[in-house]
Amino acid sequence: MQNERTLGTFFGLRFSIIPLFFVGTLIIFAVMSIIGLAVLKLHTADALIFALLCTLVHWLDDLVHSAGHAIAARSTGYPMVGLRLGTLGVFGTTLYPDNEPALPGSTHIQRAVGGPALSLSVAIVLGLIAYLRRADAADISYMVLVFAVVELVAVFGPGAFIPLPFTDGDTLRKWWGKQ
């Protein structure tokens, strides 16, 4: 991809970013700042800290989701080779070998389900932690924890099954019944 910059190889995967990563990161930060100020009624400094932490958590949530794909892909015998951050500005794209042979639909489905499965698993654990910490509801770290849970469920967990062209749901729609 044009203007793609390699960040390095971690856990056997090539990580890279495209310029839209920076645009998306700024948009997430701006939106979360507004939520911090207008919805949560935080002081300006607290709203900016909240926004920064939520922005970092967003990318961590994306990495968790992608790790689920990587684990599932490795188990099929057709592993991922990398992750490109910045698709649509705010998502990562899992990368597979260019010379990968034609695979059965069941392999594509297994790889697609891995991301939402791990995202939902992590959301359940974090949700339990949030439930136990509910007395700290006014604490910024609690608010960020709730953001992580909501995002993992709504965007990277079951929400990823919505059949949009850039989601796991589209992969499932394409390959379901073509095993």
Protein backbone atom coordinates (compact mmCIF):
# COMPACT_ATOMS: atom_id res chain seq x y z
CA MET A 1 0.00 0.00 0.00
CA GLN A 2 1.22 3.49 -0.86
CA ASN A 3 2.77 5.48 2.02
CA GLU A 4 2.65 2.46 4.31
CA ARG A 5 5.36 2.55 6.97
CA THR A 6 6.59 -0.62 8.62
CA LEU A 7 6.86 -0.38 12.40
CA GLY A 8 8.62 -3.69 12.84
CA THR A 9 7.91 -7.33 13.43
CA PHE A 10 6.36 -8.47 16.69
CA PHE A 11 5.24 -11.99 17.54
CA GLY A 12 6.03 -13.00 13.97
CA LEU A 13 3.69 -10.38 12.45
CA ARG A 14 4.71 -7.33 10.42
CA PHE A 15 3.10 -4.20 11.86
CA SER A 16 2.62 -1.12 9.71
CA ILE A 17 0.66 2.12 9.62
CA ILE A 18 -0.77 4.27 6.87
CA PRO A 19 -1.25 8.05 7.07
CA LEU A 20 -4.97 7.70 7.87
CA PHE A 21 -3.91 6.22 11.23
CA PHE A 22 -2.95 9.70 12.40
CA VAL A 23 -6.17 11.26 11.11
CA GLY A 24 -8.24 8.55 12.79
CA THR A 25 -6.32 8.89 16.04
CA LEU A 26 -6.97 12.65 16.10
CA ILE A 27 -10.66 12.08 15.36
CA ILE A 28 -10.98 9.55 18.19
CA PHE A 29 -9.19 11.94 20.54
CA ALA A 30 -11.44 14.85 19.52
CA VAL A 31 -14.66 12.84 19.87
CA MET A 32 -13.65 11.45 23.26
CA SER A 33 -12.65 14.96 24.41
CA ILE A 34 -16.10 16.23 23.51
CA ILE A 35 -17.72 13.30 25.32
CA GLY A 36 -15.54 13.97 28.34
CA LEU A 37 -16.52 17.65 28.40
CA ALA A 38 -20.14 17.62 27.24
CA VAL A 39 -21.47 14.25 28.40
CA LEU A 40 -19.34 13.31 31.40
CA LYS A 41 -18.96 16.95 32.49
CA LEU A 42 -15.25 16.54 33.23
CA HIS A 43 -12.93 19.50 33.76
CA THR A 44 -10.87 20.31 30.68
CA ALA A 45 -7.65 18.64 31.88
CA ASP A 46 -9.56 15.54 33.00
CA ALA A 47 -11.45 15.41 29.69
CA LEU A 48 -8.15 15.53 27.77
CA ILE A 49 -6.65 12.77 29.93
CA PHE A 50 -9.84 10.73 29.45
CA ALA A 51 -9.65 11.27 25.67
CA LEU A 52 -5.98 10.32 25.51
CA LEU A 53 -6.55 7.14 27.51
CA CYS A 54 -9.61 6.18 25.44
CA THR A 55 -7.62 6.74 22.24
CA LEU A 56 -4.86 4.43 23.50
CA VAL A 57 -7.44 1.88 24.65
CA HIS A 58 -9.08 1.98 21.20
CA TRP A 59 -5.85 0.87 19.55
CA LEU A 60 -5.28 -1.74 22.28
CA ASP A 61 -8.80 -3.06 21.66
CA ASP A 62 -7.98 -3.27 17.96
CA LEU A 63 -4.76 -5.17 18.76
CA VAL A 64 -6.71 -7.60 20.97
CA HIS A 65 -9.19 -8.15 18.14
CA SER A 66 -6.37 -8.71 15.66
CA ALA A 67 -4.62 -11.09 18.06
CA GLY A 68 -7.81 -13.18 18.01
CA HIS A 69 -7.60 -13.33 14.23
CA ALA A 70 -3.92 -14.24 14.42
CA ILE A 71 -4.53 -17.07 16.90
CA ALA A 72 -7.44 -18.44 14.85
CA ALA A 73 -5.49 -18.12 11.59
CA ARG A 74 -2.48 -19.92 13.01
CA SER A 75 -4.75 -22.78 14.14
CA THR A 76 -5.98 -23.24 10.55
CA GLY A 77 -2.45 -23.65 9.23
CA TYR A 78 -2.82 -20.47 7.17
CA PRO A 79 -1.49 -17.75 9.49
CA MET A 80 -1.60 -13.99 9.23
CA VAL A 81 1.59 -12.25 8.16
CA GLY A 82 0.85 -8.77 9.46
CA LEU A 83 -1.39 -6.00 10.64
CA ARG A 84 -1.86 -2.61 8.97
CA LEU A 85 -3.20 0.13 11.26
CA GLY A 86 -5.22 3.00 9.88
CA THR A 87 -7.82 1.41 7.63
CA LEU A 88 -10.67 3.92 7.45
CA GLY A 89 -8.49 5.83 9.90
CA VAL A 90 -9.61 3.87 12.94
CA PHE A 91 -9.18 0.14 12.27
CA GLY A 92 -6.49 -2.42 11.66
CA THR A 93 -6.48 -4.73 8.68
CA THR A 94 -5.22 -8.27 9.04
CA LEU A 95 -2.78 -9.24 6.31
CA TYR A 96 -2.33 -12.67 4.78
CA PRO A 97 0.27 -13.89 2.28
CA ASP A 98 -0.19 -12.62 -1.28
CA ASN A 99 0.54 -16.11 -2.59
CA GLU A 100 -1.93 -17.87 -0.27
CA PRO A 101 -3.73 -20.69 -2.08
CA ALA A 102 -7.49 -20.75 -2.51
CA LEU A 103 -8.89 -21.73 0.87
CA PRO A 104 -12.20 -23.32 1.80
CA GLY A 105 -14.89 -21.10 3.26
CA SER A 106 -14.55 -22.83 6.64
CA THR A 107 -10.97 -21.55 6.94
CA HIS A 108 -12.02 -17.98 6.17
CA ILE A 109 -14.87 -18.28 8.68
CA GLN A 110 -12.62 -19.66 11.41
CA ARG A 111 -10.13 -16.84 10.90
CA ALA A 112 -12.90 -14.21 10.85
CA VAL A 113 -14.53 -15.45 14.06
CA GLY A 114 -11.26 -15.37 16.02
CA GLY A 115 -11.18 -11.58 16.40
CA PRO A 116 -14.69 -11.12 17.79
CA ALA A 117 -14.30 -14.21 20.01
CA LEU A 118 -11.20 -12.85 21.75
CA SER A 119 -12.68 -9.33 21.90
CA LEU A 120 -15.81 -10.63 23.61
CA SER A 121 -13.76 -12.77 26.01
CA VAL A 122 -11.68 -9.78 27.06
CA ALA A 123 -14.85 -7.64 27.31
CA ILE A 124 -16.38 -10.15 29.73
CA VAL A 125 -13.30 -10.07 31.98
CA LEU A 126 -13.09 -6.27 31.88
CA GLY A 127 -16.85 -6.05 32.42
CA LEU A 128 -16.54 -8.09 35.59
CA ILE A 129 -13.74 -5.82 36.77
CA ALA A 130 -15.88 -2.76 35.97
CA TYR A 131 -18.79 -4.27 37.88
CA LEU A 132 -16.59 -4.81 40.91
CA ARG A 133 -15.29 -1.22 40.64
CA ARG A 134 -18.70 0.40 40.08
CA ALA A 135 -18.32 2.36 43.33
CA ASP A 136 -15.54 4.29 41.54
CA ALA A 137 -17.89 5.46 38.76
CA ALA A 138 -16.64 9.06 39.00
CA ASP A 139 -13.01 7.97 38.53
CA ILE A 140 -11.49 8.54 35.07
CA SER A 141 -9.88 5.09 35.05
CA TYR A 142 -13.31 3.54 35.66
CA MET A 143 -14.79 5.56 32.76
CA VAL A 144 -11.99 4.39 30.47
CA LEU A 145 -12.58 0.79 31.59
CA VAL A 146 -16.27 1.14 30.71
CA PHE A 147 -15.28 2.61 27.33
CA ALA A 148 -13.07 -0.44 26.68
CA VAL A 149 -15.90 -2.84 27.50
CA VAL A 150 -18.44 -0.99 25.37
CA GLU A 151 -16.07 -0.74 22.43
CA LEU A 152 -14.99 -4.38 22.65
CA VAL A 153 -18.63 -5.46 22.52
CA ALA A 154 -20.13 -2.88 20.14
CA VAL A 155 -17.26 -2.57 17.67
CA PHE A 156 -14.84 -5.49 17.99
CA GLY A 157 -17.00 -8.24 19.51
CA PRO A 158 -20.50 -9.09 18.28
CA GLY A 159 -20.63 -5.69 16.59
CA ALA A 160 -17.96 -6.91 14.16
CA PHE A 161 -20.52 -9.34 12.71
CA ILE A 162 -22.52 -6.52 11.11
CA PRO A 163 -21.98 -7.24 7.38
CA LEU A 164 -20.24 -4.03 6.30
CA PRO A 165 -17.51 -4.21 3.62
CA PHE A 166 -14.69 -3.80 6.17
CA THR A 167 -15.97 -6.13 8.91
CA ASP A 168 -15.75 -9.77 9.84
CA GLY A 169 -19.50 -9.96 9.17
CA ASP A 170 -18.81 -9.34 5.49
CA THR A 171 -16.31 -12.22 5.45
CA LEU A 172 -18.91 -14.49 7.08
CA ARG A 173 -21.59 -13.36 4.60
CA LYS A 174 -19.25 -14.08 1.70
CA TRP A 175 -18.12 -17.54 2.85
CA TRP A 176 -21.11 -18.89 4.78
CA GLY A 177 -22.36 -22.01 3.02
CA LYS A 178 -19.23 -22.22 0.82
CA GLN A 179 -17.28 -24.56 3.08
